[in-house]
Amino acid sequence: MPHHTPLIATIVAGIVVAFILGAIAQRLRLSPLVGYLLAGVLVGPFTPGFVADQDLASELAEIGVILLMFGVGLHFSIKDLMKVRAIAIPGALGQMAAATLLGMGLAYLMGWGLVAGLVFGLALSVASTVVLLRALQERRILQTDRGKIAVGWLIVEDLAMVLALVLLPALAGAI
């Protein structure tokens, strides 16, 4: 039975380095997420030393995103979203629209095209669901009213971004 050594080496190196740097970050009273991010930079293809197979690293990153979104789904409740919909839905959509328009305006000032400006604005318009969820958990406010509003807001942003990513190629072709 052949072994896929690069896969095993990349996974082990990533987990070990992430664990060590996450623990160091926590000892420095920072979020372990800082350590995990630095681990990705160190194991990635743009730093000296151990370098993960770039194709394999991108596949593992995709698996990571799937697992992160699964984790977000574990905190998602339609019932909780319905309780906070009066704030979360218009708030998230309004904030996304304002940030997208500001990003598009900035892109226009830099001489970028409309589609590039739209992508830039959309990128600026969303918060990191994983980082905010972790921050809410660390501060023990995830289950409070404010925490539920924040999670609802993030879910609306994520759903709107999925829709935007589906529509963006068609929009880019039409312009």
Protein backbone atom coordinates (compact mmCIF):
# COMPACT_ATOMS: atom_id res chain seq x y z
CA MET A 1 0.00 0.00 0.00
CA PRO A 2 1.71 3.22 -1.12
CA HIS A 3 1.82 6.17 1.25
CA HIS A 4 1.29 9.74 0.17
CA THR A 5 4.19 11.20 2.17
CA PRO A 6 3.76 14.88 1.14
CA LEU A 7 0.16 14.83 2.39
CA ILE A 8 1.15 13.33 5.73
CA ALA A 9 4.16 15.65 6.11
CA THR A 10 2.10 18.75 5.33
CA ILE A 11 -0.69 17.81 7.74
CA VAL A 12 1.71 16.90 10.55
CA ALA A 13 3.89 19.99 10.04
CA GLY A 14 0.85 22.25 9.92
CA ILE A 15 -0.73 20.79 13.06
CA VAL A 16 2.51 20.76 15.06
CA VAL A 17 3.52 24.31 14.11
CA ALA A 18 -0.05 25.58 14.64
CA PHE A 19 -0.21 23.94 18.08
CA ILE A 20 3.14 25.39 19.17
CA LEU A 21 2.48 28.90 17.85
CA GLY A 22 -1.11 28.84 19.14
CA ALA A 23 0.18 27.97 22.62
CA ILE A 24 2.82 30.72 22.44
CA ALA A 25 0.21 33.26 21.34
CA GLN A 26 -2.05 32.23 24.21
CA ARG A 27 0.83 32.61 26.71
CA LEU A 28 1.31 36.12 25.33
CA ARG A 29 -2.40 36.74 26.03
CA LEU A 30 -3.24 36.82 22.33
CA SER A 31 -5.82 34.73 20.60
CA PRO A 32 -4.47 31.34 19.47
CA LEU A 33 -5.78 32.33 16.02
CA VAL A 34 -2.74 34.62 15.72
CA GLY A 35 -0.48 31.61 16.22
CA TYR A 36 -2.45 29.53 13.74
CA LEU A 37 -2.16 32.26 11.12
CA LEU A 38 1.59 32.54 11.66
CA ALA A 39 1.87 28.75 11.37
CA GLY A 40 0.23 28.91 7.96
CA VAL A 41 2.69 31.59 6.88
CA LEU A 42 5.67 29.56 8.13
CA VAL A 43 4.58 26.30 6.51
CA GLY A 44 3.45 28.03 3.33
CA PRO A 45 5.47 28.30 0.13
CA PHE A 46 6.70 31.88 0.65
CA THR A 47 9.04 31.36 3.63
CA PRO A 48 12.35 29.50 3.96
CA GLY A 49 12.53 26.13 5.69
CA PHE A 50 9.87 23.46 5.40
CA VAL A 51 7.66 24.27 2.44
CA ALA A 52 4.39 22.50 1.90
CA ASP A 53 3.51 21.23 -1.55
CA GLN A 54 1.71 24.28 -2.97
CA ASP A 55 -1.05 22.32 -4.71
CA LEU A 56 -1.57 20.18 -1.64
CA ALA A 57 -1.56 23.23 0.63
CA SER A 58 -4.33 24.89 -1.39
CA GLU A 59 -6.41 21.70 -1.20
CA LEU A 60 -5.89 21.53 2.56
CA ALA A 61 -6.85 25.20 2.82
CA GLU A 62 -10.09 24.40 1.01
CA ILE A 63 -10.77 21.55 3.44
CA GLY A 64 -10.03 23.99 6.25
CA VAL A 65 -12.62 26.44 4.92
CA ILE A 66 -15.16 23.62 4.70
CA LEU A 67 -14.48 22.66 8.32
CA LEU A 68 -14.62 26.31 9.45
CA MET A 69 -17.97 26.85 7.77
CA PHE A 70 -19.18 23.58 9.30
CA GLY A 71 -18.19 25.01 12.68
CA VAL A 72 -20.12 28.19 11.92
CA GLY A 73 -23.12 26.04 11.00
CA LEU A 74 -22.91 24.37 14.41
CA HIS A 75 -23.55 27.78 16.00
CA PHE A 76 -26.32 28.69 13.56
CA SER A 77 -29.94 28.39 14.53
CA ILE A 78 -32.80 29.46 12.29
CA LYS A 79 -34.81 30.13 15.45
CA ASP A 80 -32.10 32.45 16.81
CA LEU A 81 -31.78 34.20 13.42
CA MET A 82 -35.54 34.78 13.33
CA LYS A 83 -35.36 36.32 16.82
CA VAL A 84 -32.73 38.84 15.73
CA ARG A 85 -33.80 39.29 12.10
CA ALA A 86 -35.07 42.84 12.65
CA ILE A 87 -31.52 43.92 13.47
CA ALA A 88 -29.30 41.33 11.75
CA ILE A 89 -30.78 41.30 8.25
CA PRO A 90 -31.10 45.04 7.53
CA GLY A 91 -27.94 45.77 9.51
CA ALA A 92 -25.80 43.24 7.66
CA LEU A 93 -27.18 44.13 4.23
CA GLY A 94 -26.88 47.87 4.88
CA GLN A 95 -23.34 47.55 6.21
CA MET A 96 -22.34 45.39 3.24
CA ALA A 97 -23.88 47.84 0.76
CA ALA A 98 -22.17 50.84 2.36
CA ALA A 99 -18.77 49.12 2.57
CA THR A 100 -19.07 47.81 -0.99
CA LEU A 101 -19.90 51.28 -2.32
CA LEU A 102 -17.01 52.83 -0.38
CA GLY A 103 -14.67 50.15 -1.73
CA MET A 104 -15.92 50.73 -5.27
CA GLY A 105 -15.37 54.46 -4.83
CA LEU A 106 -11.83 53.89 -3.62
CA ALA A 107 -11.19 51.49 -6.51
CA TYR A 108 -12.50 54.13 -8.95
CA LEU A 109 -10.08 56.68 -7.47
CA MET A 110 -7.25 54.18 -8.03
CA GLY A 111 -8.28 53.79 -11.67
CA TRP A 112 -9.68 50.27 -11.39
CA GLY A 113 -12.53 48.97 -13.51
CA LEU A 114 -16.10 48.46 -12.31
CA VAL A 115 -15.88 44.69 -11.75
CA ALA A 116 -12.53 44.97 -9.96
CA GLY A 117 -14.02 47.71 -7.79
CA LEU A 118 -17.05 45.55 -7.01
CA VAL A 119 -14.87 42.62 -5.99
CA PHE A 120 -12.71 44.93 -3.86
CA GLY A 121 -15.77 46.47 -2.23
CA LEU A 122 -17.31 43.08 -1.52
CA ALA A 123 -14.06 41.89 0.02
CA LEU A 124 -14.08 44.89 2.34
CA SER A 125 -17.73 44.42 3.25
CA VAL A 126 -17.60 41.17 5.21
CA ALA A 127 -16.18 40.26 8.58
CA SER A 128 -14.30 37.08 9.34
CA THR A 129 -16.97 34.77 10.71
CA VAL A 130 -14.43 32.45 12.31
CA VAL A 131 -12.44 35.20 14.02
CA LEU A 132 -15.55 36.90 15.39
CA LEU A 133 -17.05 33.61 16.59
CA ARG A 134 -13.80 32.79 18.38
CA ALA A 135 -13.70 36.26 19.95
CA LEU A 136 -17.31 35.91 21.13
CA GLN A 137 -16.53 32.49 22.62
CA GLU A 138 -13.39 33.71 24.38
CA ARG A 139 -15.33 36.59 25.95
CA ARG A 140 -18.21 34.25 26.85
CA ILE A 141 -20.83 36.38 25.09
CA LEU A 142 -21.74 34.01 22.26
CA GLN A 143 -25.02 33.00 23.92
CA THR A 144 -26.03 36.53 24.95
CA ASP A 145 -28.44 38.69 22.94
CA ARG A 146 -25.50 40.65 21.51
CA GLY A 147 -23.74 37.42 20.59
CA LYS A 148 -26.83 36.06 18.85
CA ILE A 149 -27.22 39.31 16.91
CA ALA A 150 -23.56 39.13 15.87
CA VAL A 151 -23.89 35.50 14.74
CA GLY A 152 -27.10 36.33 12.84
CA TRP A 153 -25.35 39.28 11.21
CA LEU A 154 -22.43 37.05 10.18
CA ILE A 155 -24.75 34.39 8.77
CA VAL A 156 -26.58 37.00 6.68
CA GLU A 157 -23.20 38.28 5.43
CA ASP A 158 -22.07 34.75 4.57
CA LEU A 159 -25.29 33.96 2.70
CA ALA A 160 -25.16 37.27 0.83
CA MET A 161 -21.51 36.64 -0.08
CA VAL A 162 -22.32 33.16 -1.44
CA LEU A 163 -25.01 34.76 -3.61
CA ALA A 164 -22.57 37.47 -4.73
CA LEU A 165 -19.91 34.89 -5.62
CA VAL A 166 -22.44 32.94 -7.68
CA LEU A 167 -23.61 36.07 -9.54
CA LEU A 168 -20.21 37.74 -9.96
CA PRO A 169 -18.99 35.69 -12.98
CA ALA A 170 -22.23 36.42 -14.85
CA LEU A 171 -21.98 40.10 -13.94
CA ALA A 172 -18.33 40.23 -15.03
CA GLY A 173 -19.25 38.71 -18.40
CA ALA A 174 -22.08 41.20 -18.92
CA ILE A 175 -19.95 44.28 -18.27
